Amino acid sequence: MSLGPWQLIIIALVILVLFGRGRISEMMGDFGKGIKSFKQGMNEEDTAPGKSAQRIEGPAADAKPATTATTEDPAKKSDTLG
């Protein structure tokens, strides 16, 4: 069952009566400001390539290379195990 045009008009009128015209426009203004702020924040993050590259490359540059070969004598190792 879908809503027809008359049902939508009645719902809109009920909302208008409950909240009033001023309150709805205030809520829509706040909603628009929120979207604008979100877009501005996304653009600021995209335009700062140095900061994002630092974040990605920072830990990798500080990491020490892993050593795969050990220099211990295998005979000493077996003595300490048991």
PDB file of N, CA and C in Angstrom:
ATOM      1  N   MET A   1       0.849  -1.178   0.000  1.00  0.00           N
ATOM      2  CA  MET A   1       0.000   0.000   0.000  1.00  0.00           C
ATOM      3  C   MET A   1       0.897   1.246   0.000  1.00  0.00           C
ATOM      4  N   SER A   2       0.724   2.092  -0.965  1.00  0.00           N
ATOM      5  CA  SER A   2       1.526   3.306  -1.035  1.00  0.00           C
ATOM      6  C   SER A   2       0.687   4.513  -0.625  1.00  0.00           C
ATOM      7  N   LEU A   3       1.381   5.545  -0.222  1.00  0.00           N
ATOM      8  CA  LEU A   3       0.700   6.763   0.190  1.00  0.00           C
ATOM      9  C   LEU A   3       0.350   7.595  -1.038  1.00  0.00           C
ATOM     10  N   GLY A   4      -0.867   8.031  -1.096  1.00  0.00           N
ATOM     11  CA  GLY A   4      -1.302   8.881  -2.189  1.00  0.00           C
ATOM     12  C   GLY A   4      -1.019  10.339  -1.886  1.00  0.00           C
ATOM     13  N   PRO A   5      -1.306  11.214  -2.840  1.00  0.00           N
ATOM     14  CA  PRO A   5      -1.035  12.636  -2.631  1.00  0.00           C
ATOM     15  C   PRO A   5      -1.841  13.238  -1.484  1.00  0.00           C
ATOM     16  N   TRP A   6      -3.073  12.782  -1.284  1.00  0.00           N
ATOM     17  CA  TRP A   6      -3.895  13.346  -0.207  1.00  0.00           C
ATOM     18  C   TRP A   6      -3.370  12.943   1.161  1.00  0.00           C
ATOM     19  N   GLN A   7      -2.899  11.708   1.279  1.00  0.00           N
ATOM     20  CA  GLN A   7      -2.337  11.275   2.556  1.00  0.00           C
ATOM     21  C   GLN A   7      -1.061  12.064   2.883  1.00  0.00           C
ATOM     22  N   LEU A   8      -0.239  12.320   1.882  1.00  0.00           N
ATOM     23  CA  LEU A   8       0.980  13.091   2.105  1.00  0.00           C
ATOM     24  C   LEU A   8       0.674  14.530   2.517  1.00  0.00           C
ATOM     25  N   ILE A   9      -0.362  15.120   1.908  1.00  0.00           N
ATOM     26  CA  ILE A   9      -0.758  16.487   2.268  1.00  0.00           C
ATOM     27  C   ILE A   9      -1.257  16.534   3.710  1.00  0.00           C
ATOM     28  N   ILE A  10      -2.036  15.556   4.111  1.00  0.00           N
ATOM     29  CA  ILE A  10      -2.553  15.519   5.481  1.00  0.00           C
ATOM     30  C   ILE A  10      -1.406  15.344   6.476  1.00  0.00           C
ATOM     31  N   ILE A  11      -0.458  14.468   6.160  1.00  0.00           N
ATOM     32  CA  ILE A  11       0.687  14.267   7.046  1.00  0.00           C
ATOM     33  C   ILE A  11       1.500  15.552   7.165  1.00  0.00           C
ATOM     34  N   ALA A  12       1.716  16.244   6.049  1.00  0.00           N
ATOM     35  CA  ALA A  12       2.470  17.506   6.070  1.00  0.00           C
ATOM     36  C   ALA A  12       1.749  18.552   6.913  1.00  0.00           C
ATOM     37  N   LEU A  13       0.432  18.636   6.805  1.00  0.00           N
ATOM     38  CA  LEU A  13      -0.334  19.595   7.606  1.00  0.00           C
ATOM     39  C   LEU A  13      -0.248  19.284   9.101  1.00  0.00           C
ATOM     40  N   VAL A  14      -0.325  18.017   9.447  1.00  0.00           N
ATOM     41  CA  VAL A  14      -0.238  17.628  10.857  1.00  0.00           C
ATOM     42  C   VAL A  14       1.137  17.999  11.414  1.00  0.00           C
ATOM     43  N   ILE A  15       2.199  17.741  10.639  1.00  0.00           N
ATOM     44  CA  ILE A  15       3.549  18.100  11.080  1.00  0.00           C
ATOM     45  C   ILE A  15       3.677  19.605  11.235  1.00  0.00           C
ATOM     46  N   LEU A  16       3.111  20.357  10.293  1.00  0.00           N
ATOM     47  CA  LEU A  16       3.156  21.815  10.366  1.00  0.00           C
ATOM     48  C   LEU A  16       2.438  22.330  11.607  1.00  0.00           C
ATOM     49  N   VAL A  17       1.296  21.727  11.929  1.00  0.00           N
ATOM     50  CA  VAL A  17       0.536  22.165  13.101  1.00  0.00           C
ATOM     51  C   VAL A  17       1.299  21.827  14.383  1.00  0.00           C
ATOM     52  N   LEU A  18       1.906  20.639  14.436  1.00  0.00           N
ATOM     53  CA  LEU A  18       2.608  20.228  15.645  1.00  0.00           C
ATOM     54  C   LEU A  18       3.875  21.043  15.899  1.00  0.00           C
ATOM     55  N   PHE A  19       4.685  21.255  14.867  1.00  0.00           N
ATOM     56  CA  PHE A  19       5.974  21.909  15.054  1.00  0.00           C
ATOM     57  C   PHE A  19       5.949  23.399  14.739  1.00  0.00           C
ATOM     58  N   GLY A  20       5.067  23.821  13.910  1.00  0.00           N
ATOM     59  CA  GLY A  20       5.029  25.220  13.514  1.00  0.00           C
ATOM     60  C   GLY A  20       6.003  25.513  12.391  1.00  0.00           C
ATOM     61  N   ARG A  21       5.727  26.554  11.643  1.00  0.00           N
ATOM     62  CA  ARG A  21       6.529  26.889  10.471  1.00  0.00           C
ATOM     63  C   ARG A  21       7.935  27.336  10.859  1.00  0.00           C
ATOM     64  N   GLY A  22       8.084  28.084  11.918  1.00  0.00           N
ATOM     65  CA  GLY A  22       9.387  28.594  12.343  1.00  0.00           C
ATOM     66  C   GLY A  22      10.323  27.488  12.802  1.00  0.00           C
ATOM     67  N   ARG A  23       9.782  26.534  13.531  1.00  0.00           N
ATOM     68  CA  ARG A  23      10.604  25.446  14.054  1.00  0.00           C
ATOM     69  C   ARG A  23      11.130  24.565  12.914  1.00  0.00           C
ATOM     70  N   ILE A  24      10.324  24.295  11.910  1.00  0.00           N
ATOM     71  CA  ILE A  24      10.751  23.462  10.784  1.00  0.00           C
ATOM     72  C   ILE A  24      11.859  24.160  10.000  1.00  0.00           C
ATOM     73  N   SER A  25      11.700  25.455   9.739  1.00  0.00           N
ATOM     74  CA  SER A  25      12.737  26.167   8.994  1.00  0.00           C
ATOM     75  C   SER A  25      14.032  26.247   9.799  1.00  0.00           C
ATOM     76  N   GLU A  26      13.927  26.357  11.116  1.00  0.00           N
ATOM     77  CA  GLU A  26      15.112  26.366  11.972  1.00  0.00           C
ATOM     78  C   GLU A  26      15.829  25.010  11.916  1.00  0.00           C
ATOM     79  N   MET A  27      15.067  23.924  11.947  1.00  0.00           N
ATOM     80  CA  MET A  27      15.675  22.600  11.872  1.00  0.00           C
ATOM     81  C   MET A  27      16.345  22.378  10.522  1.00  0.00           C
ATOM     82  N   MET A  28      15.723  22.827   9.444  1.00  0.00           N
ATOM     83  CA  MET A  28      16.314  22.670   8.115  1.00  0.00           C
ATOM     84  C   MET A  28      17.583  23.515   7.974  1.00  0.00           C
ATOM     85  N   GLY A  29      17.593  24.696   8.589  1.00  0.00           N
ATOM     86  CA  GLY A  29      18.795  25.536   8.575  1.00  0.00           C
ATOM     87  C   GLY A  29      19.950  24.868   9.303  1.00  0.00           C
ATOM     88  N   ASP A  30      19.669  24.260  10.445  1.00  0.00           N
ATOM     89  CA  ASP A  30      20.691  23.541  11.201  1.00  0.00           C
ATOM     90  C   ASP A  30      21.195  22.333  10.415  1.00  0.00           C
ATOM     91  N   PHE A  31      20.292  21.666   9.736  1.00  0.00           N
ATOM     92  CA  PHE A  31      20.654  20.513   8.916  1.00  0.00           C
ATOM     93  C   PHE A  31      21.587  20.936   7.783  1.00  0.00           C
ATOM     94  N   GLY A  32      21.265  22.048   7.132  1.00  0.00           N
ATOM     95  CA  GLY A  32      22.110  22.572   6.052  1.00  0.00           C
ATOM     96  C   GLY A  32      23.491  22.977   6.547  1.00  0.00           C
ATOM     97  N   LYS A  33      23.544  23.600   7.732  1.00  0.00           N
ATOM     98  CA  LYS A  33      24.839  23.986   8.308  1.00  0.00           C
ATOM     99  C   LYS A  33      25.684  22.750   8.618  1.00  0.00           C
ATOM    100  N   GLY A  34      25.040  21.705   9.083  1.00  0.00           N
ATOM    101  CA  GLY A  34      25.757  20.468   9.387  1.00  0.00           C
ATOM    102  C   GLY A  34      26.351  19.838   8.140  1.00  0.00           C
ATOM    103  N   ILE A  35      25.589  19.817   7.057  1.00  0.00           N
ATOM    104  CA  ILE A  35      26.084  19.261   5.799  1.00  0.00           C
ATOM    105  C   ILE A  35      27.237  20.106   5.268  1.00  0.00           C
ATOM    106  N   LYS A  36      27.101  21.419   5.348  1.00  0.00           N
ATOM    107  CA  LYS A  36      28.162  22.317   4.867  1.00  0.00           C
ATOM    108  C   LYS A  36      29.437  22.112   5.677  1.00  0.00           C
ATOM    109  N   SER A  37      29.317  21.976   6.983  1.00  0.00           N
ATOM    110  CA  SER A  37      30.473  21.754   7.839  1.00  0.00           C
ATOM    111  C   SER A  37      31.132  20.414   7.528  1.00  0.00           C
ATOM    112  N   PHE A  38      30.338  19.401   7.278  1.00  0.00           N
ATOM    113  CA  PHE A  38      30.866  18.084   6.948  1.00  0.00           C
ATOM    114  C   PHE A  38      31.651  18.122   5.636  1.00  0.00           C
ATOM    115  N   LYS A  39      31.094  18.763   4.624  1.00  0.00           N
ATOM    116  CA  LYS A  39      31.778  18.871   3.333  1.00  0.00           C
ATOM    117  C   LYS A  39      33.075  19.660   3.475  1.00  0.00           C
ATOM    118  N   GLN A  40      33.061  20.722   4.266  1.00  0.00           N
ATOM    119  CA  GLN A  40      34.258  21.535   4.476  1.00  0.00           C
ATOM    120  C   GLN A  40      35.340  20.703   5.166  1.00  0.00           C
ATOM    121  N   GLY A  41      34.966  19.910   6.135  1.00  0.00           N
ATOM    122  CA  GLY A  41      35.927  19.047   6.823  1.00  0.00           C
ATOM    123  C   GLY A  41      36.515  18.000   5.887  1.00  0.00           C
ATOM    124  N   MET A  42      35.703  17.444   5.013  1.00  0.00           N
ATOM    125  CA  MET A  42      36.201  16.459   4.054  1.00  0.00           C
ATOM    126  C   MET A  42      37.165  17.112   3.075  1.00  0.00           C
ATOM    127  N   ASN A  43      36.866  18.323   2.625  1.00  0.00           N
ATOM    128  CA  ASN A  43      37.748  19.024   1.692  1.00  0.00           C
ATOM    129  C   ASN A  43      39.064  19.397   2.353  1.00  0.00           C
ATOM    130  N   GLU A  44      39.047  19.805   3.614  1.00  0.00           N
ATOM    131  CA  GLU A  44      40.275  20.152   4.327  1.00  0.00           C
ATOM    132  C   GLU A  44      41.186  18.942   4.458  1.00  0.00           C
ATOM    133  N   GLU A  45      40.615  17.786   4.695  1.00  0.00           N
ATOM    134  CA  GLU A  45      41.418  16.575   4.823  1.00  0.00           C
ATOM    135  C   GLU A  45      42.014  16.173   3.475  1.00  0.00           C
ATOM    136  N   ASP A  46      41.270  16.370   2.403  1.00  0.00           N
ATOM    137  CA  ASP A  46      41.761  16.025   1.072  1.00  0.00           C
ATOM    138  C   ASP A  46      42.844  16.974   0.595  1.00  0.00           C
ATOM    139  N   THR A  47      42.803  18.243   1.003  1.00  0.00           N
ATOM    140  CA  THR A  47      43.765  19.223   0.515  1.00  0.00           C
ATOM    141  C   THR A  47      45.049  19.245   1.330  1.00  0.00           C
ATOM    142  N   ALA A  48      45.164  18.456   2.354  1.00  0.00           N
ATOM    143  CA  ALA A  48      46.371  18.412   3.174  1.00  0.00           C
ATOM    144  C   ALA A  48      47.121  17.104   2.913  1.00  0.00           C
ATOM    145  N   PRO A  49      47.773  16.962   1.748  1.00  0.00           N
ATOM    146  CA  PRO A  49      48.424  15.684   1.437  1.00  0.00           C
ATOM    147  C   PRO A  49      49.638  15.408   2.305  1.00  0.00           C
ATOM    148  N   GLY A  50      50.313  16.430   2.781  1.00  0.00           N
ATOM    149  CA  GLY A  50      51.483  16.222   3.623  1.00  0.00           C
ATOM    150  C   GLY A  50      51.138  15.548   4.930  1.00  0.00           C
ATOM    151  N   LYS A  51      50.039  15.955   5.514  1.00  0.00           N
ATOM    152  CA  LYS A  51      49.643  15.386   6.796  1.00  0.00           C
ATOM    153  C   LYS A  51      49.223  13.933   6.640  1.00  0.00           C
ATOM    154  N   SER A  52      48.443  13.604   5.602  1.00  0.00           N
ATOM    155  CA  SER A  52      47.994  12.229   5.432  1.00  0.00           C
ATOM    156  C   SER A  52      49.149  11.325   5.039  1.00  0.00           C
ATOM    157  N   ALA A  53      50.107  11.831   4.241  1.00  0.00           N
ATOM    158  CA  ALA A  53      51.264  11.032   3.864  1.00  0.00           C
ATOM    159  C   ALA A  53      52.137  10.774   5.088  1.00  0.00           C
ATOM    160  N   GLN A  54      52.248  11.752   5.980  1.00  0.00           N
ATOM    161  CA  GLN A  54      53.025  11.581   7.191  1.00  0.00           C
ATOM    162  C   GLN A  54      52.417  10.497   8.069  1.00  0.00           C
ATOM    163  N   ARG A  55      51.116  10.506   8.155  1.00  0.00           N
ATOM    164  CA  ARG A  55      50.431   9.524   8.967  1.00  0.00           C
ATOM    165  C   ARG A  55      50.686   8.115   8.442  1.00  0.00           C
ATOM    166  N   ILE A  56      50.684   7.941   7.130  1.00  0.00           N
ATOM    167  CA  ILE A  56      50.870   6.623   6.545  1.00  0.00           C
ATOM    168  C   ILE A  56      52.330   6.207   6.607  1.00  0.00           C
ATOM    169  N   GLU A  57      53.249   7.118   6.273  1.00  0.00           N
ATOM    170  CA  GLU A  57      54.655   6.775   6.188  1.00  0.00           C
ATOM    171  C   GLU A  57      55.365   6.854   7.532  1.00  0.00           C
ATOM    172  N   GLY A  58      54.799   7.540   8.509  1.00  0.00           N
ATOM    173  CA  GLY A  58      55.456   7.747   9.791  1.00  0.00           C
ATOM    174  C   GLY A  58      55.842   6.455  10.494  1.00  0.00           C
ATOM    175  N   PRO A  59      54.930   5.556  10.785  1.00  0.00           N
ATOM    176  CA  PRO A  59      55.289   4.330  11.495  1.00  0.00           C
ATOM    177  C   PRO A  59      56.223   3.440  10.685  1.00  0.00           C
ATOM    178  N   ALA A  60      56.097   3.397   9.371  1.00  0.00           N
ATOM    179  CA  ALA A  60      56.940   2.535   8.541  1.00  0.00           C
ATOM    180  C   ALA A  60      58.386   3.035   8.561  1.00  0.00           C
ATOM    181  N   ALA A  61      58.584   4.344   8.608  1.00  0.00           N
ATOM    182  CA  ALA A  61      59.935   4.898   8.625  1.00  0.00           C
ATOM    183  C   ALA A  61      60.617   4.637   9.966  1.00  0.00           C
ATOM    184  N   ASP A  62      59.863   4.566  11.043  1.00  0.00           N
ATOM    185  CA  ASP A  62      60.428   4.347  12.369  1.00  0.00           C
ATOM    186  C   ASP A  62      60.654   2.865  12.675  1.00  0.00           C
ATOM    187  N   ALA A  63      60.031   1.984  11.912  1.00  0.00           N
ATOM    188  CA  ALA A  63      60.106   0.553  12.196  1.00  0.00           C
ATOM    189  C   ALA A  63      61.502   0.023  11.895  1.00  0.00           C
ATOM    190  N   LYS A  64      61.952  -0.874  12.744  1.00  0.00           N
ATOM    191  CA  LYS A  64      63.256  -1.489  12.536  1.00  0.00           C
ATOM    192  C   LYS A  64      63.065  -2.747  11.703  1.00  0.00           C
ATOM    193  N   PRO A  65      64.024  -3.058  10.838  1.00  0.00           N
ATOM    194  CA  PRO A  65      63.872  -4.265  10.024  1.00  0.00           C
ATOM    195  C   PRO A  65      63.927  -5.510  10.894  1.00  0.00           C
ATOM    196  N   ALA A  66      63.130  -6.476  10.544  1.00  0.00           N
ATOM    197  CA  ALA A  66      63.078  -7.714  11.303  1.00  0.00           C
ATOM    198  C   ALA A  66      64.276  -8.576  10.945  1.00  0.00           C
ATOM    199  N   THR A  67      64.851  -9.204  11.952  1.00  0.00           N
ATOM    200  CA  THR A  67      65.982 -10.095  11.692  1.00  0.00           C
ATOM    201  C   THR A  67      65.464 -11.512  11.617  1.00  0.00           C
ATOM    202  N   THR A  68      65.831 -12.203  10.552  1.00  0.00           N
ATOM    203  CA  THR A  68      65.348 -13.564  10.379  1.00  0.00           C
ATOM    204  C   THR A  68      66.378 -14.593  10.806  1.00  0.00           C
ATOM    205  N   ALA A  69      67.658 -14.281  10.716  1.00  0.00           N
ATOM    206  CA  ALA A  69      68.700 -15.231  11.093  1.00  0.00           C
ATOM    207  C   ALA A  69      69.135 -14.969  12.521  1.00  0.00           C
ATOM    208  N   THR A  70      69.329 -16.038  13.260  1.00  0.00           N
ATOM    209  CA  THR A  70      69.823 -15.901  14.631  1.00  0.00           C
ATOM    210  C   THR A  70      71.303 -16.251  14.661  1.00  0.00           C
ATOM    211  N   THR A  71      72.019 -15.641  15.554  1.00  0.00           N
ATOM    212  CA  THR A  71      73.457 -15.887  15.670  1.00  0.00           C
ATOM    213  C   THR A  71      73.787 -16.791  16.842  1.00  0.00           C
ATOM    214  N   GLU A  72      72.765 -17.323  17.499  1.00  0.00           N
ATOM    215  CA  GLU A  72      73.007 -18.198  18.646  1.00  0.00           C
ATOM    216  C   GLU A  72      73.488 -19.563  18.184  1.00  0.00           C
ATOM    217  N   ASP A  73      74.244 -20.188  19.039  1.00  0.00           N
ATOM    218  CA  ASP A  73      74.720 -21.544  18.766  1.00  0.00           C
ATOM    219  C   ASP A  73      73.588 -22.518  19.068  1.00  0.00           C
ATOM    220  N   PRO A  74      73.231 -23.399  18.131  1.00  0.00           N
ATOM    221  CA  PRO A  74      72.135 -24.346  18.383  1.00  0.00           C
ATOM    222  C   PRO A  74      72.419 -25.266  19.568  1.00  0.00           C
ATOM    223  N   ALA A  75      73.642 -25.548  19.866  1.00  0.00           N
ATOM    224  CA  ALA A  75      73.964 -26.419  20.988  1.00  0.00           C
ATOM    225  C   ALA A  75      73.601 -25.765  22.314  1.00  0.00           C
ATOM    226  N   LYS A  76      73.866 -24.478  22.420  1.00  0.00           N
ATOM    227  CA  LYS A  76      73.510 -23.757  23.652  1.00  0.00           C
ATOM    228  C   LYS A  76      72.009 -23.704  23.821  1.00  0.00           C
ATOM    229  N   LYS A  77      71.307 -23.558  22.725  1.00  0.00           N
ATOM    230  CA  LYS A  77      69.853 -23.469  22.777  1.00  0.00           C
ATOM    231  C   LYS A  77      69.256 -24.769  23.284  1.00  0.00           C
ATOM    232  N   SER A  78      69.765 -25.895  22.843  1.00  0.00           N
ATOM    233  CA  SER A  78      69.192 -27.174  23.268  1.00  0.00           C
ATOM    234  C   SER A  78      69.498 -27.436  24.755  1.00  0.00           C
ATOM    235  N   ASP A  79      70.616 -26.926  25.258  1.00  0.00           N
ATOM    236  CA  ASP A  79      70.951 -27.117  26.668  1.00  0.00           C
ATOM    237  C   ASP A  79      70.004 -26.355  27.575  1.00  0.00           C
ATOM    238  N   THR A  80      69.570 -25.180  27.150  1.00  0.00           N
ATOM    239  CA  THR A  80      68.706 -24.379  28.013  1.00  0.00           C
ATOM    240  C   THR A  80      67.273 -24.867  27.998  1.00  0.00           C
ATOM    241  N   LEU A  81      66.888 -25.612  26.973  1.00  0.00           N
ATOM    242  CA  LEU A  81      65.509 -26.077  26.878  1.00  0.00           C
ATOM    243  C   LEU A  81      65.235 -27.276  27.773  1.00  0.00           C
ATOM    244  N   GLY A  82      66.199 -28.060  28.047  1.00  0.00           N
ATOM    245  CA  GLY A  82      65.827 -29.147  28.891  1.00  0.00           C
ATOM    246  C   GLY A  82      66.792 -30.160  29.041  1.00  0.00           C
TER     247      GLY A  82
END
